[in-house]
Amino acid sequence: MNLHPIPRSSSDTAAARVIVGVELGGTKCIATLADEHGVVLDQHKTPTTTPHETLPILAGLVDQWCASNNVAAIGIASFGPLDLNPTSPNYGCVATTTKPGWSGAPVLRRLSGQRDIPTAFDTDVNGAAAAEMRWGGGLGLRDFAYVTVGTGVGVGLFVNGAPTRGIGHCEMGHIRIPRLVNDVAASICKFHDDCVEGLASGPAIRSALGGRSFDEVSANDPVWSGVAHAIACLCHALVATTGPQRIAIGGGVLERQPHLLGRIEPLLRASMNGYLAIPDDGPYIVAPSLGDQAGALGPIALACGLLANGYIDGLTSIDRVGAVL
């Protein structure tokens, strides 16, 4: 597995444009300096604490790299929900979130620094999906979903080569699902009693374990049946609505409990029960090919897509630029 895609030739390397990317996650943020081929030149991680502590650190790295390099574009991929409507007065801000202190945080303005540099702005999971489509397991596909199961449950969703929009970005981690018989675990989501995030995220699993250690619970423990069921229900909804050509599932929960990945596709196929033709020429549900670099390379991929499609009408967002790949 090649975590840092390599340019095809030395001449490509010489001509490669330099891009700054910032991924804001629920527990940590990663700032990356890379070229347009996805080769990482420098990278720094910092915990996600409060906007007043975290954003200045990230902005300082962006300032430093922009001052010392001929930066062609900036990519910012953040946890959400986000205001991605360029005509909104809150465009570029975090919307109402359960993460204390972050509702209304001006992520785009603070990190872009109002520079005259094309800047792509989207969710962290859309960024990861874009990276997988450019350099990883979604290469060559135009309809692709990237699911992350960690602190929350997020879905990066591309349809016909572009991230979904509408009244907002994809928030399928909050779809409500039928519970398994005898499942009485309390949802950790303050908005929904039976959504995927409330029942299958890392905090939800810790709550269901009742004090038992996350990493010491065996693969046969009943708790994993509920988690696999919830994620399979999410995949069923994806197949029935947008029909992705492949679904990649990553995040901290599956990294620490890798047995979960193999459970989901059989549950999905049983749930679909022969309705709709899920591709069977290989695994349909896969791990991210870029591993734990999918998220970090996400904003780089978003910025590459912005450059490839042109800097239209001065917008600093992927919106209205068209297909990002």
C-alpha atoms as a PDB file:
ATOM      1  CA  MET A   1       0.000   0.000   0.000  1.00  0.00           C
ATOM      2  CA  ASN A   2       1.493   3.319  -1.140  1.00  0.00           C
ATOM      3  CA  LEU A   3       0.535   5.960   1.407  1.00  0.00           C
ATOM      4  CA  HIS A   4       2.287   8.786  -0.426  1.00  0.00           C
ATOM      5  CA  PRO A   5       1.641   8.522  -4.191  1.00  0.00           C
ATOM      6  CA  ILE A   6       4.868   9.031  -6.138  1.00  0.00           C
ATOM      7  CA  PRO A   7       5.271  11.242  -9.228  1.00  0.00           C
ATOM      8  CA  ARG A   8       5.757   9.364 -12.487  1.00  0.00           C
ATOM      9  CA  SER A   9       9.051  11.002 -13.437  1.00  0.00           C
ATOM     10  CA  SER A  10      11.652  13.494 -12.295  1.00  0.00           C
ATOM     11  CA  SER A  11      10.344  15.995 -14.831  1.00  0.00           C
ATOM     12  CA  ASP A  12       6.883  15.698 -13.278  1.00  0.00           C
ATOM     13  CA  THR A  13       8.458  16.338  -9.867  1.00  0.00           C
ATOM     14  CA  ALA A  14      10.163  19.500 -11.093  1.00  0.00           C
ATOM     15  CA  ALA A  15       6.912  20.860 -12.481  1.00  0.00           C
ATOM     16  CA  ALA A  16       4.674  19.769  -9.626  1.00  0.00           C
ATOM     17  CA  ARG A  17       2.701  22.548  -7.967  1.00  0.00           C
ATOM     18  CA  VAL A  18       2.820  22.913  -4.203  1.00  0.00           C
ATOM     19  CA  ILE A  19      -0.369  22.785  -2.155  1.00  0.00           C
ATOM     20  CA  VAL A  20      -1.174  23.461   1.498  1.00  0.00           C
ATOM     21  CA  GLY A  21      -3.843  21.290   3.091  1.00  0.00           C
ATOM     22  CA  VAL A  22      -5.471  21.428   6.514  1.00  0.00           C
ATOM     23  CA  GLU A  23      -7.688  18.656   7.868  1.00  0.00           C
ATOM     24  CA  LEU A  24      -9.667  19.449  11.020  1.00  0.00           C
ATOM     25  CA  GLY A  25     -10.870  16.300  12.737  1.00  0.00           C
ATOM     26  CA  GLY A  26     -12.850  15.712  15.877  1.00  0.00           C
ATOM     27  CA  THR A  27      -9.798  14.799  17.969  1.00  0.00           C
ATOM     28  CA  LYS A  28      -6.804  15.997  15.938  1.00  0.00           C
ATOM     29  CA  CYS A  29      -5.914  18.312  13.081  1.00  0.00           C
ATOM     30  CA  ILE A  30      -3.304  17.636  10.404  1.00  0.00           C
ATOM     31  CA  ALA A  31      -1.616  20.332   8.329  1.00  0.00           C
ATOM     32  CA  THR A  32       0.134  19.048   5.229  1.00  0.00           C
ATOM     33  CA  LEU A  33       2.425  20.536   2.626  1.00  0.00           C
ATOM     34  CA  ALA A  34       2.347  18.364  -0.480  1.00  0.00           C
ATOM     35  CA  ASP A  35       2.662  18.498  -4.221  1.00  0.00           C
ATOM     36  CA  GLU A  36      -0.164  17.923  -6.666  1.00  0.00           C
ATOM     37  CA  HIS A  37       0.780  14.237  -6.975  1.00  0.00           C
ATOM     38  CA  GLY A  38       0.037  13.699  -3.301  1.00  0.00           C
ATOM     39  CA  VAL A  39       3.679  13.467  -2.225  1.00  0.00           C
ATOM     40  CA  VAL A  40       3.919  14.781   1.339  1.00  0.00           C
ATOM     41  CA  LEU A  41       6.688  17.345   1.817  1.00  0.00           C
ATOM     42  CA  ASP A  42       5.951  18.328   5.417  1.00  0.00           C
ATOM     43  CA  GLN A  43       3.236  17.491   7.929  1.00  0.00           C
ATOM     44  CA  HIS A  44       2.240  18.535  11.441  1.00  0.00           C
ATOM     45  CA  LYS A  45      -0.435  17.271  13.827  1.00  0.00           C
ATOM     46  CA  THR A  46      -2.094  19.136  16.675  1.00  0.00           C
ATOM     47  CA  PRO A  47      -4.957  18.204  19.026  1.00  0.00           C
ATOM     48  CA  THR A  48      -8.404  19.643  18.336  1.00  0.00           C
ATOM     49  CA  THR A  49      -9.132  21.633  21.485  1.00  0.00           C
ATOM     50  CA  THR A  50     -10.909  24.993  21.148  1.00  0.00           C
ATOM     51  CA  PRO A  51     -11.052  27.310  18.113  1.00  0.00           C
ATOM     52  CA  HIS A  52      -9.056  29.923  20.053  1.00  0.00           C
ATOM     53  CA  GLU A  53      -6.231  27.434  20.624  1.00  0.00           C
ATOM     54  CA  THR A  54      -6.328  25.264  17.518  1.00  0.00           C
ATOM     55  CA  LEU A  55      -7.000  27.680  14.661  1.00  0.00           C
ATOM     56  CA  PRO A  56      -4.016  30.002  15.394  1.00  0.00           C
ATOM     57  CA  ILE A  57      -1.655  27.006  15.364  1.00  0.00           C
ATOM     58  CA  LEU A  58      -2.979  25.843  12.011  1.00  0.00           C
ATOM     59  CA  ALA A  59      -3.041  29.374  10.596  1.00  0.00           C
ATOM     60  CA  GLY A  60       0.581  29.806  11.631  1.00  0.00           C
ATOM     61  CA  LEU A  61       1.591  26.717   9.654  1.00  0.00           C
ATOM     62  CA  VAL A  62      -0.335  27.946   6.609  1.00  0.00           C
ATOM     63  CA  ASP A  63       1.379  31.355   6.936  1.00  0.00           C
ATOM     64  CA  GLN A  64       4.792  29.729   7.224  1.00  0.00           C
ATOM     65  CA  TRP A  65       4.355  27.484   4.194  1.00  0.00           C
ATOM     66  CA  CYS A  66       2.803  30.203   2.030  1.00  0.00           C
ATOM     67  CA  ALA A  67       5.688  32.536   2.860  1.00  0.00           C
ATOM     68  CA  SER A  68       8.382  30.012   1.959  1.00  0.00           C
ATOM     69  CA  ASN A  69       6.777  28.299  -1.052  1.00  0.00           C
ATOM     70  CA  ASN A  70       5.037  29.255  -4.270  1.00  0.00           C
ATOM     71  CA  VAL A  71       1.722  27.780  -3.128  1.00  0.00           C
ATOM     72  CA  ALA A  72      -0.709  27.116  -5.979  1.00  0.00           C
ATOM     73  CA  ALA A  73      -3.778  26.371  -3.846  1.00  0.00           C
ATOM     74  CA  ILE A  74      -5.010  25.761  -0.319  1.00  0.00           C
ATOM     75  CA  GLY A  75      -7.378  22.975   0.706  1.00  0.00           C
ATOM     76  CA  ILE A  76      -9.345  22.972   3.958  1.00  0.00           C
ATOM     77  CA  ALA A  77     -11.363  19.927   5.019  1.00  0.00           C
ATOM     78  CA  SER A  78     -13.145  20.194   8.356  1.00  0.00           C
ATOM     79  CA  PHE A  79     -15.448  18.254  10.611  1.00  0.00           C
ATOM     80  CA  GLY A  80     -18.964  19.575  10.447  1.00  0.00           C
ATOM     81  CA  PRO A  81     -21.618  20.334   9.968  1.00  0.00           C
ATOM     82  CA  LEU A  82     -20.386  23.227   7.837  1.00  0.00           C
ATOM     83  CA  ASP A  83     -21.982  26.144   6.048  1.00  0.00           C
ATOM     84  CA  LEU A  84     -20.919  25.527   2.442  1.00  0.00           C
ATOM     85  CA  ASN A  85     -23.241  28.038   0.777  1.00  0.00           C
ATOM     86  CA  PRO A  86     -21.027  30.803  -0.687  1.00  0.00           C
ATOM     87  CA  THR A  87     -23.921  33.292  -0.502  1.00  0.00           C
ATOM     88  CA  SER A  88     -24.514  32.710   3.210  1.00  0.00           C
ATOM     89  CA  PRO A  89     -23.209  35.227   5.770  1.00  0.00           C
ATOM     90  CA  ASN A  90     -21.899  32.231   7.717  1.00  0.00           C
ATOM     91  CA  TYR A  91     -20.162  30.644   4.756  1.00  0.00           C
ATOM     92  CA  GLY A  92     -16.992  28.871   5.826  1.00  0.00           C
ATOM     93  CA  CYS A  93     -18.097  28.479   9.447  1.00  0.00           C
ATOM     94  CA  VAL A  94     -18.869  25.404  11.497  1.00  0.00           C
ATOM     95  CA  ALA A  95     -22.641  25.165  11.959  1.00  0.00           C
ATOM     96  CA  THR A  96     -24.406  23.824  15.043  1.00  0.00           C
ATOM     97  CA  THR A  97     -22.197  21.073  16.414  1.00  0.00           C
ATOM     98  CA  THR A  98     -21.988  18.985  19.546  1.00  0.00           C
ATOM     99  CA  LYS A  99     -18.276  19.837  19.835  1.00  0.00           C
ATOM    100  CA  PRO A 100     -18.070  22.473  22.597  1.00  0.00           C
ATOM    101  CA  GLY A 101     -17.040  25.928  21.439  1.00  0.00           C
ATOM    102  CA  TRP A 102     -16.921  25.184  17.718  1.00  0.00           C
ATOM    103  CA  SER A 103     -20.401  26.255  16.615  1.00  0.00           C
ATOM    104  CA  GLY A 104     -19.914  29.333  14.448  1.00  0.00           C
ATOM    105  CA  ALA A 105     -16.109  29.005  14.295  1.00  0.00           C
ATOM    106  CA  PRO A 106     -14.876  30.854  11.142  1.00  0.00           C
ATOM    107  CA  VAL A 107     -12.647  28.066   9.874  1.00  0.00           C
ATOM    108  CA  LEU A 108     -12.328  29.172   6.243  1.00  0.00           C
ATOM    109  CA  ARG A 109     -11.669  32.852   6.966  1.00  0.00           C
ATOM    110  CA  ARG A 110      -9.191  32.107   9.734  1.00  0.00           C
ATOM    111  CA  LEU A 111      -7.154  29.587   7.744  1.00  0.00           C
ATOM    112  CA  SER A 112      -7.314  31.068   4.251  1.00  0.00           C
ATOM    113  CA  GLY A 113      -6.137  34.407   5.619  1.00  0.00           C
ATOM    114  CA  GLN A 114      -8.003  36.208   2.802  1.00  0.00           C
ATOM    115  CA  ARG A 115      -5.087  35.409   0.494  1.00  0.00           C
ATOM    116  CA  ASP A 116      -5.452  35.653  -3.256  1.00  0.00           C
ATOM    117  CA  ILE A 117      -4.889  31.917  -3.538  1.00  0.00           C
ATOM    118  CA  PRO A 118      -7.584  29.487  -4.766  1.00  0.00           C
ATOM    119  CA  THR A 119      -8.976  27.742  -1.698  1.00  0.00           C
ATOM    120  CA  ALA A 120     -11.142  24.625  -1.615  1.00  0.00           C
ATOM    121  CA  PHE A 121     -13.354  24.161   1.435  1.00  0.00           C
ATOM    122  CA  ASP A 122     -15.382  21.076   2.240  1.00  0.00           C
ATOM    123  CA  THR A 123     -16.005  18.442   4.897  1.00  0.00           C
ATOM    124  CA  ASP A 124     -13.231  16.197   6.158  1.00  0.00           C
ATOM    125  CA  VAL A 125     -15.008  13.098   4.838  1.00  0.00           C
ATOM    126  CA  ASN A 126     -15.571  14.621   1.398  1.00  0.00           C
ATOM    127  CA  GLY A 127     -11.862  15.379   1.406  1.00  0.00           C
ATOM    128  CA  ALA A 128     -10.983  11.785   2.258  1.00  0.00           C
ATOM    129  CA  ALA A 129     -13.323  10.564  -0.468  1.00  0.00           C
ATOM    130  CA  ALA A 130     -11.655  12.908  -2.971  1.00  0.00           C
ATOM    131  CA  ALA A 131      -8.208  11.601  -1.980  1.00  0.00           C
ATOM    132  CA  GLU A 132      -9.303   7.983  -2.428  1.00  0.00           C
ATOM    133  CA  MET A 133     -10.794   8.863  -5.830  1.00  0.00           C
ATOM    134  CA  ARG A 134      -7.625  10.622  -6.963  1.00  0.00           C
ATOM    135  CA  TRP A 135      -4.957   8.279  -5.572  1.00  0.00           C
ATOM    136  CA  GLY A 136      -6.576   5.309  -3.830  1.00  0.00           C
ATOM    137  CA  GLY A 137      -9.384   2.788  -3.859  1.00  0.00           C
ATOM    138  CA  GLY A 138     -11.815   5.033  -5.725  1.00  0.00           C
ATOM    139  CA  LEU A 139      -9.473   5.710  -8.638  1.00  0.00           C
ATOM    140  CA  GLY A 140     -11.411   5.874 -11.897  1.00  0.00           C
ATOM    141  CA  LEU A 141     -14.813   6.021 -10.182  1.00  0.00           C
ATOM    142  CA  ARG A 142     -17.242   8.942 -10.293  1.00  0.00           C
ATOM    143  CA  ASP A 143     -19.750   7.636  -7.756  1.00  0.00           C
ATOM    144  CA  PHE A 144     -18.047   6.791  -4.496  1.00  0.00           C
ATOM    145  CA  ALA A 145     -18.697   6.878  -0.752  1.00  0.00           C
ATOM    146  CA  TYR A 146     -16.190   7.148   2.066  1.00  0.00           C
ATOM    147  CA  VAL A 147     -17.522   6.279   5.528  1.00  0.00           C
ATOM    148  CA  THR A 148     -15.561   7.040   8.664  1.00  0.00           C
ATOM    149  CA  VAL A 149     -16.496   5.534  12.014  1.00  0.00           C
ATOM    150  CA  GLY A 150     -14.681   7.184  14.885  1.00  0.00           C
ATOM    151  CA  THR A 151     -15.548  10.010  17.241  1.00  0.00           C
ATOM    152  CA  GLY A 152     -18.568  10.449  14.975  1.00  0.00           C
ATOM    153  CA  VAL A 153     -19.876   8.733  11.864  1.00  0.00           C
ATOM    154  CA  GLY A 154     -19.389  10.722   8.677  1.00  0.00           C
ATOM    155  CA  VAL A 155     -19.953  10.039   4.999  1.00  0.00           C
ATOM    156  CA  GLY A 156     -18.073  11.627   2.130  1.00  0.00           C
ATOM    157  CA  LEU A 157     -20.331  11.183  -0.892  1.00  0.00           C
ATOM    158  CA  PHE A 158     -19.512  11.900  -4.529  1.00  0.00           C
ATOM    159  CA  VAL A 159     -22.166  11.583  -7.222  1.00  0.00           C
ATOM    160  CA  ASN A 160     -21.180  11.964 -10.875  1.00  0.00           C
ATOM    161  CA  GLY A 161     -17.736  13.168  -9.825  1.00  0.00           C
ATOM    162  CA  ALA A 162     -18.785  15.928  -7.437  1.00  0.00           C
ATOM    163  CA  PRO A 163     -19.661  16.081  -3.732  1.00  0.00           C
ATOM    164  CA  THR A 164     -23.363  16.227  -2.984  1.00  0.00           C
ATOM    165  CA  ARG A 165     -24.873  19.573  -2.038  1.00  0.00           C
ATOM    166  CA  GLY A 166     -28.489  20.763  -1.833  1.00  0.00           C
ATOM    167  CA  ILE A 167     -29.543  22.247   1.500  1.00  0.00           C
ATOM    168  CA  GLY A 168     -26.276  20.982   2.969  1.00  0.00           C
ATOM    169  CA  HIS A 169     -23.540  18.404   2.663  1.00  0.00           C
ATOM    170  CA  CYS A 170     -24.107  14.713   3.298  1.00  0.00           C
ATOM    171  CA  GLU A 171     -24.910  13.909   6.942  1.00  0.00           C
ATOM    172  CA  MET A 172     -25.830  10.251   6.597  1.00  0.00           C
ATOM    173  CA  GLY A 173     -24.241   9.391   9.910  1.00  0.00           C
ATOM    174  CA  HIS A 174     -27.491  10.733  11.343  1.00  0.00           C
ATOM    175  CA  ILE A 175     -29.919   8.582   9.382  1.00  0.00           C
ATOM    176  CA  ARG A 176     -32.260   6.737  11.729  1.00  0.00           C
ATOM    177  CA  ILE A 177     -32.115   2.951  11.589  1.00  0.00           C
ATOM    178  CA  PRO A 178     -34.094  -0.023  12.921  1.00  0.00           C
ATOM    179  CA  ARG A 179     -32.488  -1.492  16.014  1.00  0.00           C
ATOM    180  CA  LEU A 180     -31.715  -5.152  16.472  1.00  0.00           C
ATOM    181  CA  VAL A 181     -34.102  -7.098  18.672  1.00  0.00           C
ATOM    182  CA  ASN A 182     -33.219  -6.609  22.366  1.00  0.00           C
ATOM    183  CA  ASP A 183     -30.973  -3.632  21.564  1.00  0.00           C
ATOM    184  CA  VAL A 184     -31.692  -1.172  24.344  1.00  0.00           C
ATOM    185  CA  ALA A 185     -28.373   0.680  24.336  1.00  0.00           C
ATOM    186  CA  ALA A 186     -28.727   4.403  24.912  1.00  0.00           C
ATOM    187  CA  SER A 187     -27.902   6.619  21.940  1.00  0.00           C
ATOM    188  CA  ILE A 188     -25.118   9.110  22.578  1.00  0.00           C
ATOM    189  CA  CYS A 189     -26.525  11.503  19.954  1.00  0.00           C
ATOM    190  CA  LYS A 190     -28.386  14.363  21.587  1.00  0.00           C
ATOM    191  CA  PHE A 191     -30.494  14.825  18.445  1.00  0.00           C
ATOM    192  CA  HIS A 192     -31.606  11.250  17.662  1.00  0.00           C
ATOM    193  CA  ASP A 193     -32.351   8.128  19.706  1.00  0.00           C
ATOM    194  CA  ASP A 194     -31.571   5.706  16.904  1.00  0.00           C
ATOM    195  CA  CYS A 195     -29.123   7.173  14.371  1.00  0.00           C
ATOM    196  CA  VAL A 196     -25.946   5.449  13.205  1.00  0.00           C
ATOM    197  CA  GLU A 197     -23.652   7.898  14.996  1.00  0.00           C
ATOM    198  CA  GLY A 198     -25.635   7.575  18.201  1.00  0.00           C
ATOM    199  CA  LEU A 199     -25.310   3.789  18.194  1.00  0.00           C
ATOM    200  CA  ALA A 200     -22.060   2.910  16.374  1.00  0.00           C
ATOM    201  CA  SER A 201     -19.531   5.715  16.900  1.00  0.00           C
ATOM    202  CA  GLY A 202     -16.569   5.305  19.234  1.00  0.00           C
ATOM    203  CA  PRO A 203     -18.289   7.109  22.141  1.00  0.00           C
ATOM    204  CA  ALA A 204     -21.451   5.033  21.567  1.00  0.00           C
ATOM    205  CA  ILE A 205     -19.458   1.805  21.730  1.00  0.00           C
ATOM    206  CA  ARG A 206     -17.686   2.896  24.918  1.00  0.00           C
ATOM    207  CA  SER A 207     -21.059   3.675  26.446  1.00  0.00           C
ATOM    208  CA  ALA A 208     -22.446   0.271  25.444  1.00  0.00           C
ATOM    209  CA  LEU A 209     -19.392  -1.488  26.884  1.00  0.00           C
ATOM    210  CA  GLY A 210     -20.227  -0.148  30.319  1.00  0.00           C
ATOM    211  CA  GLY A 211     -16.680   0.440  31.473  1.00  0.00           C
ATOM    212  CA  ARG A 212     -15.026  -2.475  29.716  1.00  0.00           C
ATOM    213  CA  SER A 213     -11.883  -1.659  27.734  1.00  0.00           C
ATOM    214  CA  PHE A 214     -12.554  -1.006  24.047  1.00  0.00           C
ATOM    215  CA  ASP A 215      -9.466  -2.867  22.833  1.00  0.00           C
ATOM    216  CA  GLU A 216      -9.826  -5.859  25.152  1.00  0.00           C
ATOM    217  CA  VAL A 217     -13.343  -6.837  24.078  1.00  0.00           C
ATOM    218  CA  SER A 218     -13.233  -9.943  21.883  1.00  0.00           C
ATOM    219  CA  ALA A 219     -14.358  -9.984  18.256  1.00  0.00           C
ATOM    220  CA  ASN A 220     -17.227 -12.285  19.292  1.00  0.00           C
ATOM    221  CA  ASP A 221     -18.693  -9.860  21.812  1.00  0.00           C
ATOM    222  CA  PRO A 222     -22.374  -9.061  21.070  1.00  0.00           C
ATOM    223  CA  VAL A 223     -21.615  -5.340  21.009  1.00  0.00           C
ATOM    224  CA  TRP A 224     -20.023  -5.707  17.564  1.00  0.00           C
ATOM    225  CA  SER A 225     -23.195  -7.204  16.083  1.00  0.00           C
ATOM    226  CA  GLY A 226     -25.018  -3.953  16.774  1.00  0.00           C
ATOM    227  CA  VAL A 227     -22.185  -1.873  15.349  1.00  0.00           C
ATOM    228  CA  ALA A 228     -21.961  -3.942  12.155  1.00  0.00           C
ATOM    229  CA  HIS A 229     -25.759  -3.844  11.795  1.00  0.00           C
ATOM    230  CA  ALA A 230     -25.837  -0.045  12.089  1.00  0.00           C
ATOM    231  CA  ILE A 231     -23.089   0.454   9.497  1.00  0.00           C
ATOM    232  CA  ALA A 232     -24.716  -2.078   7.140  1.00  0.00           C
ATOM    233  CA  CYS A 233     -27.990  -0.134   7.421  1.00  0.00           C
ATOM    234  CA  LEU A 234     -26.087   3.013   6.469  1.00  0.00           C
ATOM    235  CA  CYS A 235     -24.601   1.231   3.447  1.00  0.00           C
ATOM    236  CA  HIS A 236     -28.074  -0.023   2.464  1.00  0.00           C
ATOM    237  CA  ALA A 237     -29.317   3.569   2.446  1.00  0.00           C
ATOM    238  CA  LEU A 238     -26.337   4.654   0.326  1.00  0.00           C
ATOM    239  CA  VAL A 239     -26.926   1.903  -2.224  1.00  0.00           C
ATOM    240  CA  ALA A 240     -30.656   2.623  -2.412  1.00  0.00           C
ATOM    241  CA  THR A 241     -30.238   6.386  -2.829  1.00  0.00           C
ATOM    242  CA  THR A 242     -27.064   7.316  -4.738  1.00  0.00           C
ATOM    243  CA  GLY A 243     -25.727   3.883  -5.740  1.00  0.00           C
ATOM    244  CA  PRO A 244     -21.985   4.373  -5.201  1.00  0.00           C
ATOM    245  CA  GLN A 245     -19.755   2.142  -7.302  1.00  0.00           C
ATOM    246  CA  ARG A 246     -17.738   1.335  -4.188  1.00  0.00           C
ATOM    247  CA  ILE A 247     -17.848   2.146  -0.473  1.00  0.00           C
ATOM    248  CA  ALA A 248     -14.688   2.585   1.591  1.00  0.00           C
ATOM    249  CA  ILE A 249     -15.016   2.411   5.365  1.00  0.00           C
ATOM    250  CA  GLY A 250     -12.301   3.660   7.703  1.00  0.00           C
ATOM    251  CA  GLY A 251     -11.871   5.545  10.941  1.00  0.00           C
ATOM    252  CA  GLY A 252     -10.583   4.733  14.395  1.00  0.00           C
ATOM    253  CA  VAL A 253     -13.213   2.123  15.260  1.00  0.00           C
ATOM    254  CA  LEU A 254     -12.383  -0.085  12.281  1.00  0.00           C
ATOM    255  CA  GLU A 255      -8.646   0.494  12.703  1.00  0.00           C
ATOM    256  CA  ARG A 256      -8.875  -0.871  16.254  1.00  0.00           C
ATOM    257  CA  GLN A 257     -11.453  -3.567  15.422  1.00  0.00           C
ATOM    258  CA  PRO A 258     -10.589  -4.625  11.842  1.00  0.00           C
ATOM    259  CA  HIS A 259     -12.841  -7.704  12.004  1.00  0.00           C
ATOM    260  CA  LEU A 260     -15.815  -5.355  11.567  1.00  0.00           C
ATOM    261  CA  LEU A 261     -15.063  -4.623   7.907  1.00  0.00           C
ATOM    262  CA  GLY A 262     -15.587  -8.219   6.808  1.00  0.00           C
ATOM    263  CA  ARG A 263     -18.977  -8.386   8.537  1.00  0.00           C
ATOM    264  CA  ILE A 264     -20.554  -5.460   6.757  1.00  0.00           C
ATOM    265  CA  GLU A 265     -20.735  -6.535   3.113  1.00  0.00           C
ATOM    266  CA  PRO A 266     -22.526  -9.850   3.841  1.00  0.00           C
ATOM    267  CA  LEU A 267     -25.024  -7.960   6.001  1.00  0.00           C
ATOM    268  CA  LEU A 268     -25.518  -5.408   3.234  1.00  0.00           C
ATOM    269  CA  ARG A 269     -26.114  -8.061   0.581  1.00  0.00           C
ATOM    270  CA  ALA A 270     -28.537  -9.903   2.850  1.00  0.00           C
ATOM    271  CA  SER A 271     -30.355  -6.642   3.540  1.00  0.00           C
ATOM    272  CA  MET A 272     -30.661  -5.793  -0.163  1.00  0.00           C
ATOM    273  CA  ASN A 273     -31.961  -9.355  -0.722  1.00  0.00           C
ATOM    274  CA  GLY A 274     -31.185  -9.342  -4.433  1.00  0.00           C
ATOM    275  CA  TYR A 275     -32.707  -5.923  -5.095  1.00  0.00           C
ATOM    276  CA  LEU A 276     -30.321  -3.728  -7.121  1.00  0.00           C
ATOM    277  CA  ALA A 277     -27.176  -5.180  -8.626  1.00  0.00           C
ATOM    278  CA  ILE A 278     -24.343  -4.561  -6.191  1.00  0.00           C
ATOM    279  CA  PRO A 279     -21.078  -5.121  -8.107  1.00  0.00           C
ATOM    280  CA  ASP A 280     -19.659  -8.585  -7.452  1.00  0.00           C
ATOM    281  CA  ASP A 281     -16.414  -8.441  -9.466  1.00  0.00           C
ATOM    282  CA  GLY A 282     -14.486  -7.836  -6.247  1.00  0.00           C
ATOM    283  CA  PRO A 283     -15.078  -6.510  -2.729  1.00  0.00           C
ATOM    284  CA  TYR A 284     -17.698  -3.776  -2.788  1.00  0.00           C
ATOM    285  CA  ILE A 285     -16.943  -2.536   0.728  1.00  0.00           C
ATOM    286  CA  VAL A 286     -13.231  -1.921   1.207  1.00  0.00           C
ATOM    287  CA  ALA A 287     -10.750  -0.342   3.581  1.00  0.00           C
ATOM    288  CA  PRO A 288      -9.276   3.005   2.465  1.00  0.00           C
ATOM    289  CA  SER A 289      -6.294   2.315   0.193  1.00  0.00           C
ATOM    290  CA  LEU A 290      -4.521   5.384   1.569  1.00  0.00           C
ATOM    291  CA  GLY A 291      -4.843   4.141   5.136  1.00  0.00           C
ATOM    292  CA  ASP A 292      -4.605   6.819   7.785  1.00  0.00           C
ATOM    293  CA  GLN A 293      -3.344   9.313   5.181  1.00  0.00           C
ATOM    294  CA  ALA A 294      -6.724   9.471   3.413  1.00  0.00           C
ATOM    295  CA  GLY A 295      -7.885  12.263   5.702  1.00  0.00           C
ATOM    296  CA  ALA A 296      -4.630  14.205   5.593  1.00  0.00           C
ATOM    297  CA  LEU A 297      -4.465  14.039   1.790  1.00  0.00           C
ATOM    298  CA  GLY A 298      -8.134  15.004   1.539  1.00  0.00           C
ATOM    299  CA  PRO A 299      -7.658  18.782   1.464  1.00  0.00           C
ATOM    300  CA  ILE A 300      -4.768  18.317  -0.978  1.00  0.00           C
ATOM    301  CA  ALA A 301      -7.092  16.389  -3.314  1.00  0.00           C
ATOM    302  CA  LEU A 302      -9.830  19.013  -2.967  1.00  0.00           C
ATOM    303  CA  ALA A 303      -7.357  21.758  -3.901  1.00  0.00           C
ATOM    304  CA  CYS A 304      -6.106  19.702  -6.864  1.00  0.00           C
ATOM    305  CA  GLY A 305      -9.681  19.407  -8.081  1.00  0.00           C
ATOM    306  CA  LEU A 306     -10.183  23.145  -7.750  1.00  0.00           C
ATOM    307  CA  LEU A 307      -7.060  23.828  -9.815  1.00  0.00           C
ATOM    308  CA  ALA A 308      -8.057  21.290 -12.452  1.00  0.00           C
ATOM    309  CA  ASN A 309     -11.457  22.881 -12.985  1.00  0.00           C
ATOM    310  CA  GLY A 310     -10.536  26.541 -12.793  1.00  0.00           C
ATOM    311  CA  TYR A 311     -10.950  29.339 -10.281  1.00  0.00           C
ATOM    312  CA  ILE A 312     -14.465  30.501 -11.134  1.00  0.00           C
ATOM    313  CA  ASP A 313     -16.053  33.828 -10.173  1.00  0.00           C
ATOM    314  CA  GLY A 314     -13.638  34.321  -7.296  1.00  0.00           C
ATOM    315  CA  LEU A 315     -15.334  31.629  -5.217  1.00  0.00           C
ATOM    316  CA  THR A 316     -13.085  30.000  -2.635  1.00  0.00           C
ATOM    317  CA  SER A 317     -15.094  26.798  -2.593  1.00  0.00           C
ATOM    318  CA  ILE A 318     -15.574  23.718  -4.681  1.00  0.00           C
ATOM    319  CA  ASP A 319     -19.168  24.823  -5.343  1.00  0.00           C
ATOM    320  CA  ARG A 320     -19.957  25.717  -8.962  1.00  0.00           C
ATOM    321  CA  VAL A 321     -16.543  24.493 -10.065  1.00  0.00           C
ATOM    322  CA  GLY A 322     -18.066  21.229 -11.290  1.00  0.00           C
ATOM    323  CA  ALA A 323     -16.554  17.787 -10.952  1.00  0.00           C
ATOM    324  CA  VAL A 324     -13.566  18.012  -8.649  1.00  0.00           C
ATOM    325  CA  LEU A 325     -11.711  15.114 -10.211  1.00  0.00           C
END
